[in-house]
Amino acid sequence: MYDTARDALDFVKNKTRSDLDGNRVLALSPVESIDIIGWAASKVSKESRDQFPEIPWVVIVAMRNRLIHAYYDIDRAWDTITDDLPPRASTLKGIIGNSEATKP
């Protein structure tokens, strides 16, 4: 999830919403990233979800489902990537860092 979040943020770095209108690959990258992140979140066990309640698991999965079933709503994907994803990526990075530090 973190790797895809980081990639998604890189895709839109120094871009504006209007940049997506002329570039189909760029337009689809936020949608595909949200799809991957949401799918991965849906595969996280309940036990793991319970360990990290700061991650809004249900919201992430629901956003993926809404976006995919709304036929790739580029505006919603853009807003999610630019507004919601940065703090989520930061939280995921912290979780990864903490789990790496506690490995034997």
C-alpha atoms as a PDB file:
ATOM      1  CA  MET A   1       0.000   0.000   0.000  1.00  0.00           C
ATOM      2  CA  TYR A   2       2.759   2.406   0.902  1.00  0.00           C
ATOM      3  CA  ASP A   3       4.712   1.801  -2.308  1.00  0.00           C
ATOM      4  CA  THR A   4       1.647   2.492  -4.435  1.00  0.00           C
ATOM      5  CA  ALA A   5       0.763   5.562  -2.367  1.00  0.00           C
ATOM      6  CA  ARG A   6       4.280   6.888  -2.878  1.00  0.00           C
ATOM      7  CA  ASP A   7       4.053   6.173  -6.614  1.00  0.00           C
ATOM      8  CA  ALA A   8       0.683   7.919  -6.854  1.00  0.00           C
ATOM      9  CA  LEU A   9       2.065  11.010  -5.160  1.00  0.00           C
ATOM     10  CA  ASP A  10       5.035  10.963  -7.537  1.00  0.00           C
ATOM     11  CA  PHE A  11       2.697  10.711 -10.542  1.00  0.00           C
ATOM     12  CA  VAL A  12       0.909  13.932  -9.606  1.00  0.00           C
ATOM     13  CA  LYS A  13       3.886  15.820  -8.217  1.00  0.00           C
ATOM     14  CA  ASN A  14       4.117  19.293  -9.805  1.00  0.00           C
ATOM     15  CA  LYS A  15       0.937  18.593 -11.798  1.00  0.00           C
ATOM     16  CA  THR A  16      -2.459  20.274 -11.752  1.00  0.00           C
ATOM     17  CA  ARG A  17      -5.864  18.739 -12.260  1.00  0.00           C
ATOM     18  CA  SER A  18      -5.972  20.216 -15.778  1.00  0.00           C
ATOM     19  CA  ASP A  19      -2.769  18.335 -16.687  1.00  0.00           C
ATOM     20  CA  LEU A  20      -4.803  15.141 -16.552  1.00  0.00           C
ATOM     21  CA  ASP A  21      -7.150  16.307 -19.309  1.00  0.00           C
ATOM     22  CA  GLY A  22      -4.493  16.117 -21.998  1.00  0.00           C
ATOM     23  CA  ASN A  23      -2.691  13.007 -20.819  1.00  0.00           C
ATOM     24  CA  ARG A  24      -4.697   9.768 -20.607  1.00  0.00           C
ATOM     25  CA  VAL A  25      -1.875   7.849 -18.907  1.00  0.00           C
ATOM     26  CA  LEU A  26      -1.540  10.526 -16.237  1.00  0.00           C
ATOM     27  CA  ALA A  27      -5.326  10.653 -15.855  1.00  0.00           C
ATOM     28  CA  LEU A  28      -5.568   6.925 -15.237  1.00  0.00           C
ATOM     29  CA  SER A  29      -2.626   6.689 -12.842  1.00  0.00           C
ATOM     30  CA  PRO A  30      -4.475   8.117  -9.798  1.00  0.00           C
ATOM     31  CA  VAL A  31      -7.438   5.843 -10.485  1.00  0.00           C
ATOM     32  CA  GLU A  32      -5.273   2.772 -10.815  1.00  0.00           C
ATOM     33  CA  SER A  33      -3.325   3.699  -7.688  1.00  0.00           C
ATOM     34  CA  ILE A  34      -6.499   4.013  -5.637  1.00  0.00           C
ATOM     35  CA  ASP A  35      -7.677   0.696  -7.046  1.00  0.00           C
ATOM     36  CA  ILE A  36      -4.454  -1.026  -5.972  1.00  0.00           C
ATOM     37  CA  ILE A  37      -4.378   0.605  -2.534  1.00  0.00           C
ATOM     38  CA  GLY A  38      -8.031  -0.220  -1.873  1.00  0.00           C
ATOM     39  CA  TRP A  39      -7.651  -3.788  -3.065  1.00  0.00           C
ATOM     40  CA  ALA A  40      -4.582  -4.260  -0.858  1.00  0.00           C
ATOM     41  CA  ALA A  41      -6.401  -2.729   2.123  1.00  0.00           C
ATOM     42  CA  SER A  42      -9.254  -5.184   1.620  1.00  0.00           C
ATOM     43  CA  LYS A  43      -6.781  -8.057   1.983  1.00  0.00           C
ATOM     44  CA  VAL A  44      -5.369  -6.910   5.332  1.00  0.00           C
ATOM     45  CA  SER A  45      -6.511  -9.226   8.116  1.00  0.00           C
ATOM     46  CA  LYS A  46      -8.878  -7.996  10.808  1.00  0.00           C
ATOM     47  CA  GLU A  47      -6.152  -8.570  13.368  1.00  0.00           C
ATOM     48  CA  SER A  48      -3.763  -6.311  11.471  1.00  0.00           C
ATOM     49  CA  ARG A  49      -6.459  -3.694  10.919  1.00  0.00           C
ATOM     50  CA  ASP A  50      -7.150  -3.695  14.636  1.00  0.00           C
ATOM     51  CA  GLN A  51      -3.434  -3.080  15.330  1.00  0.00           C
ATOM     52  CA  PHE A  52      -3.519   0.107  13.245  1.00  0.00           C
ATOM     53  CA  PRO A  53      -6.824   1.877  13.886  1.00  0.00           C
ATOM     54  CA  GLU A  54      -5.333   5.164  12.663  1.00  0.00           C
ATOM     55  CA  ILE A  55      -5.689   3.822   9.125  1.00  0.00           C
ATOM     56  CA  PRO A  56      -9.296   4.245   7.932  1.00  0.00           C
ATOM     57  CA  TRP A  57      -9.448   0.772   6.378  1.00  0.00           C
ATOM     58  CA  VAL A  58     -13.151   0.802   5.600  1.00  0.00           C
ATOM     59  CA  VAL A  59     -12.937   4.256   4.026  1.00  0.00           C
ATOM     60  CA  ILE A  60     -10.008   3.228   1.830  1.00  0.00           C
ATOM     61  CA  VAL A  61     -11.783   0.125   0.566  1.00  0.00           C
ATOM     62  CA  ALA A  62     -15.040   2.034   0.065  1.00  0.00           C
ATOM     63  CA  MET A  63     -13.263   4.759  -1.922  1.00  0.00           C
ATOM     64  CA  ARG A  64     -11.766   2.139  -4.190  1.00  0.00           C
ATOM     65  CA  ASN A  65     -15.153   0.542  -4.736  1.00  0.00           C
ATOM     66  CA  ARG A  66     -16.912   3.867  -5.377  1.00  0.00           C
ATOM     67  CA  LEU A  67     -14.229   5.000  -7.786  1.00  0.00           C
ATOM     68  CA  ILE A  68     -14.135   1.783  -9.778  1.00  0.00           C
ATOM     69  CA  HIS A  69     -17.917   1.544  -9.967  1.00  0.00           C
ATOM     70  CA  ALA A  70     -18.232   5.238 -10.833  1.00  0.00           C
ATOM     71  CA  TYR A  71     -16.363   4.499 -14.049  1.00  0.00           C
ATOM     72  CA  TYR A  72     -13.100   6.129 -13.199  1.00  0.00           C
ATOM     73  CA  ASP A  73     -14.190   9.505 -11.852  1.00  0.00           C
ATOM     74  CA  ILE A  74     -10.981  11.424 -12.510  1.00  0.00           C
ATOM     75  CA  ASP A  75     -11.987  14.397 -10.344  1.00  0.00           C
ATOM     76  CA  ARG A  76     -12.655  12.171  -7.340  1.00  0.00           C
ATOM     77  CA  ALA A  77      -9.380  10.325  -7.926  1.00  0.00           C
ATOM     78  CA  TRP A  78      -7.468  13.599  -8.156  1.00  0.00           C
ATOM     79  CA  ASP A  79      -8.994  14.894  -4.926  1.00  0.00           C
ATOM     80  CA  THR A  80      -8.257  11.639  -3.142  1.00  0.00           C
ATOM     81  CA  ILE A  81      -4.635  11.554  -4.276  1.00  0.00           C
ATOM     82  CA  THR A  82      -3.901  15.207  -3.574  1.00  0.00           C
ATOM     83  CA  ASP A  83      -5.945  15.699  -0.387  1.00  0.00           C
ATOM     84  CA  ASP A  84      -6.343  12.362   1.374  1.00  0.00           C
ATOM     85  CA  LEU A  85      -3.336  10.336   0.337  1.00  0.00           C
ATOM     86  CA  PRO A  86      -0.417  12.413   1.708  1.00  0.00           C
ATOM     87  CA  PRO A  87      -1.330  11.935   5.385  1.00  0.00           C
ATOM     88  CA  ARG A  88      -2.222   8.279   4.776  1.00  0.00           C
ATOM     89  CA  ALA A  89       1.136   7.662   3.095  1.00  0.00           C
ATOM     90  CA  SER A  90       2.891   9.306   6.026  1.00  0.00           C
ATOM     91  CA  THR A  91       1.038   7.062   8.472  1.00  0.00           C
ATOM     92  CA  LEU A  92       1.854   3.961   6.428  1.00  0.00           C
ATOM     93  CA  LYS A  93       5.508   4.967   6.304  1.00  0.00           C
ATOM     94  CA  GLY A  94       5.525   5.317  10.077  1.00  0.00           C
ATOM     95  CA  ILE A  95       3.951   1.889  10.501  1.00  0.00           C
ATOM     96  CA  ILE A  96       6.519   0.319   8.196  1.00  0.00           C
ATOM     97  CA  GLY A  97       9.329   2.083  10.013  1.00  0.00           C
ATOM     98  CA  ASN A  98       8.081   0.891  13.384  1.00  0.00           C
ATOM     99  CA  SER A  99       7.642  -2.692  12.222  1.00  0.00           C
ATOM    100  CA  GLU A 100      11.143  -2.736  10.716  1.00  0.00           C
ATOM    101  CA  ALA A 101      12.593  -1.437  13.966  1.00  0.00           C
ATOM    102  CA  THR A 102      10.989  -4.234  15.975  1.00  0.00           C
ATOM    103  CA  LYS A 103      12.127  -7.129  13.766  1.00  0.00           C
ATOM    104  CA  PRO A 104      14.582  -9.488  15.465  1.00  0.00           C
END
